[in-house]
Amino acid sequence: MPEPGRWRMSAHRYANGDLHNLGVRRYVEAHGVKAPIVEVDVVKVPDDSPAATHWGWMRPTDTQPVMIYPHEVLFRVCFPYGVEAEVAAGKGRVVRLAVTEIKEDVDA
């Protein structure tokens, strides 16, 4: 059973190192991006944590974050009335995430 607040996902690794389109592998593939698909470790961290690399959204019924972006402006454009309005309406909450690529162990 996975740890609460920790998920394993897939993502595109862009040339600049940014990790985008996080989710199940099929979701990542559906974007049609030529960047490599990598496995990532996603951990919920406090809002002010220096380890935070991404912003995500969790609805009350979600078991893992969605709409995960490495830049706040990209995250915020998902909410036409502003993320604050969605939070105030009880539709979900913003979560800060530490996302790291899982490197394959070449010695294994």
C-alpha atoms as a PDB file:
ATOM      1  CA  MET A   1       0.000   0.000   0.000  1.00  0.00           C
ATOM      2  CA  PRO A   2       1.427   3.428  -0.939  1.00  0.00           C
ATOM      3  CA  GLU A   3       2.351   5.950   1.715  1.00  0.00           C
ATOM      4  CA  PRO A   4      -0.234   8.697   2.295  1.00  0.00           C
ATOM      5  CA  GLY A   5       0.895  11.838   0.489  1.00  0.00           C
ATOM      6  CA  ARG A   6       3.267   9.956  -1.836  1.00  0.00           C
ATOM      7  CA  TRP A   7       2.574   8.753  -5.379  1.00  0.00           C
ATOM      8  CA  ARG A   8       4.515   7.215  -8.249  1.00  0.00           C
ATOM      9  CA  MET A   9       3.615   8.703 -11.619  1.00  0.00           C
ATOM     10  CA  SER A  10       4.936   9.140 -15.130  1.00  0.00           C
ATOM     11  CA  ALA A  11       5.948  12.471 -16.677  1.00  0.00           C
ATOM     12  CA  HIS A  12       7.621  14.035 -19.687  1.00  0.00           C
ATOM     13  CA  ARG A  13      11.158  15.256 -18.974  1.00  0.00           C
ATOM     14  CA  TYR A  14      11.773  18.337 -21.106  1.00  0.00           C
ATOM     15  CA  ALA A  15      15.255  19.293 -22.316  1.00  0.00           C
ATOM     16  CA  ASN A  16      15.510  21.967 -19.594  1.00  0.00           C
ATOM     17  CA  GLY A  17      14.839  19.311 -16.921  1.00  0.00           C
ATOM     18  CA  ASP A  18      11.242  20.374 -16.174  1.00  0.00           C
ATOM     19  CA  LEU A  19       8.822  17.516 -15.522  1.00  0.00           C
ATOM     20  CA  HIS A  20       5.420  18.012 -17.176  1.00  0.00           C
ATOM     21  CA  ASN A  21       2.166  16.137 -17.866  1.00  0.00           C
ATOM     22  CA  LEU A  22       2.296  14.085 -14.668  1.00  0.00           C
ATOM     23  CA  GLY A  23      -0.090  11.175 -14.279  1.00  0.00           C
ATOM     24  CA  VAL A  24      -0.524   7.585 -15.338  1.00  0.00           C
ATOM     25  CA  ARG A  25       1.636   6.614 -18.320  1.00  0.00           C
ATOM     26  CA  ARG A  26      -1.318   6.477 -20.722  1.00  0.00           C
ATOM     27  CA  TYR A  27      -2.237  10.087 -19.813  1.00  0.00           C
ATOM     28  CA  VAL A  28       1.343  11.215 -20.423  1.00  0.00           C
ATOM     29  CA  GLU A  29       1.507   9.398 -23.766  1.00  0.00           C
ATOM     30  CA  ALA A  30      -1.785  11.018 -24.861  1.00  0.00           C
ATOM     31  CA  HIS A  31      -0.072  14.419 -24.969  1.00  0.00           C
ATOM     32  CA  GLY A  32       1.943  13.313 -28.006  1.00  0.00           C
ATOM     33  CA  VAL A  33       5.070  15.114 -26.791  1.00  0.00           C
ATOM     34  CA  LYS A  34       8.400  13.840 -28.138  1.00  0.00           C
ATOM     35  CA  ALA A  35      10.158  14.344 -24.771  1.00  0.00           C
ATOM     36  CA  PRO A  36      11.160  11.171 -22.911  1.00  0.00           C
ATOM     37  CA  ILE A  37       8.660   9.662 -20.485  1.00  0.00           C
ATOM     38  CA  VAL A  38      10.160   9.007 -17.068  1.00  0.00           C
ATOM     39  CA  GLU A  39       8.928   7.627 -13.749  1.00  0.00           C
ATOM     40  CA  VAL A  40       8.676  10.186 -10.944  1.00  0.00           C
ATOM     41  CA  ASP A  41       8.193  10.205  -7.202  1.00  0.00           C
ATOM     42  CA  VAL A  42       5.598  12.768  -6.090  1.00  0.00           C
ATOM     43  CA  VAL A  43       5.443  13.779  -2.429  1.00  0.00           C
ATOM     44  CA  LYS A  44       3.061  16.269  -0.784  1.00  0.00           C
ATOM     45  CA  VAL A  45       5.107  18.832   1.122  1.00  0.00           C
ATOM     46  CA  PRO A  46       4.258  21.943   3.181  1.00  0.00           C
ATOM     47  CA  ASP A  47       3.451  25.044   1.137  1.00  0.00           C
ATOM     48  CA  ASP A  48       6.652  26.782   2.225  1.00  0.00           C
ATOM     49  CA  SER A  49       8.944  23.779   1.791  1.00  0.00           C
ATOM     50  CA  PRO A  50      12.133  24.484  -0.169  1.00  0.00           C
ATOM     51  CA  ALA A  51      11.723  20.968  -1.623  1.00  0.00           C
ATOM     52  CA  ALA A  52       8.472  21.968  -3.395  1.00  0.00           C
ATOM     53  CA  THR A  53       8.855  21.903  -7.174  1.00  0.00           C
ATOM     54  CA  HIS A  54       5.269  21.688  -8.456  1.00  0.00           C
ATOM     55  CA  TRP A  55       1.710  22.877  -7.788  1.00  0.00           C
ATOM     56  CA  GLY A  56      -1.197  20.432  -7.915  1.00  0.00           C
ATOM     57  CA  TRP A  57      -4.919  20.260  -7.236  1.00  0.00           C
ATOM     58  CA  MET A  58      -6.918  17.804  -5.151  1.00  0.00           C
ATOM     59  CA  ARG A  59     -10.695  17.660  -5.165  1.00  0.00           C
ATOM     60  CA  PRO A  60     -12.347  16.251  -2.031  1.00  0.00           C
ATOM     61  CA  THR A  61     -12.799  12.879  -3.771  1.00  0.00           C
ATOM     62  CA  ASP A  62      -9.319  12.656  -5.358  1.00  0.00           C
ATOM     63  CA  THR A  63      -6.863  10.053  -4.142  1.00  0.00           C
ATOM     64  CA  GLN A  64      -3.926  11.716  -5.889  1.00  0.00           C
ATOM     65  CA  PRO A  65      -3.178  15.198  -7.181  1.00  0.00           C
ATOM     66  CA  VAL A  66      -4.188  16.294 -10.678  1.00  0.00           C
ATOM     67  CA  MET A  67      -3.336  19.326 -12.847  1.00  0.00           C
ATOM     68  CA  ILE A  68       0.292  19.211 -11.718  1.00  0.00           C
ATOM     69  CA  TYR A  69       2.587  21.925 -13.072  1.00  0.00           C
ATOM     70  CA  PRO A  70       6.169  23.014 -12.340  1.00  0.00           C
ATOM     71  CA  HIS A  71       5.313  26.709 -12.735  1.00  0.00           C
ATOM     72  CA  GLU A  72       2.624  28.473 -10.731  1.00  0.00           C
ATOM     73  CA  VAL A  73       1.391  30.523 -13.694  1.00  0.00           C
ATOM     74  CA  LEU A  74       0.706  27.323 -15.678  1.00  0.00           C
ATOM     75  CA  PHE A  75      -1.204  25.905 -12.724  1.00  0.00           C
ATOM     76  CA  ARG A  76      -3.273  29.051 -12.183  1.00  0.00           C
ATOM     77  CA  VAL A  77      -4.491  29.312 -15.798  1.00  0.00           C
ATOM     78  CA  CYS A  78      -6.489  26.111 -15.188  1.00  0.00           C
ATOM     79  CA  PHE A  79      -8.924  28.154 -13.083  1.00  0.00           C
ATOM     80  CA  PRO A  80     -10.789  30.812 -15.111  1.00  0.00           C
ATOM     81  CA  TYR A  81     -12.281  32.386 -11.961  1.00  0.00           C
ATOM     82  CA  GLY A  82      -9.085  32.022  -9.977  1.00  0.00           C
ATOM     83  CA  VAL A  83      -7.923  29.192  -7.769  1.00  0.00           C
ATOM     84  CA  GLU A  84      -8.994  31.103  -4.657  1.00  0.00           C
ATOM     85  CA  ALA A  85     -12.638  31.067  -5.830  1.00  0.00           C
ATOM     86  CA  GLU A  86     -12.511  27.292  -6.336  1.00  0.00           C
ATOM     87  CA  VAL A  87     -11.008  26.745  -2.887  1.00  0.00           C
ATOM     88  CA  ALA A  88     -13.581  29.065  -1.281  1.00  0.00           C
ATOM     89  CA  ALA A  89     -16.371  27.137  -3.053  1.00  0.00           C
ATOM     90  CA  GLY A  90     -15.093  23.894  -1.500  1.00  0.00           C
ATOM     91  CA  LYS A  91     -14.182  22.359  -4.853  1.00  0.00           C
ATOM     92  CA  GLY A  92     -10.672  21.389  -3.821  1.00  0.00           C
ATOM     93  CA  ARG A  93      -7.334  22.534  -2.501  1.00  0.00           C
ATOM     94  CA  VAL A  94      -3.915  23.465  -3.784  1.00  0.00           C
ATOM     95  CA  VAL A  95      -1.104  21.102  -2.844  1.00  0.00           C
ATOM     96  CA  ARG A  96       2.624  21.734  -3.097  1.00  0.00           C
ATOM     97  CA  LEU A  97       4.588  18.792  -4.354  1.00  0.00           C
ATOM     98  CA  ALA A  98       8.195  17.687  -4.457  1.00  0.00           C
ATOM     99  CA  VAL A  99       8.638  15.830  -7.745  1.00  0.00           C
ATOM    100  CA  THR A 100      11.824  13.904  -8.494  1.00  0.00           C
ATOM    101  CA  GLU A 101      12.724  11.618 -11.330  1.00  0.00           C
ATOM    102  CA  ILE A 102      13.277   8.011 -10.312  1.00  0.00           C
ATOM    103  CA  LYS A 103      16.646   7.056 -11.748  1.00  0.00           C
ATOM    104  CA  GLU A 104      17.131   3.480 -12.817  1.00  0.00           C
ATOM    105  CA  ASP A 105      19.721   1.593 -10.809  1.00  0.00           C
ATOM    106  CA  VAL A 106      22.295   0.604 -13.437  1.00  0.00           C
ATOM    107  CA  ASP A 107      24.050  -1.723 -10.953  1.00  0.00           C
ATOM    108  CA  ALA A 108      20.940  -3.844 -10.399  1.00  0.00           C
END
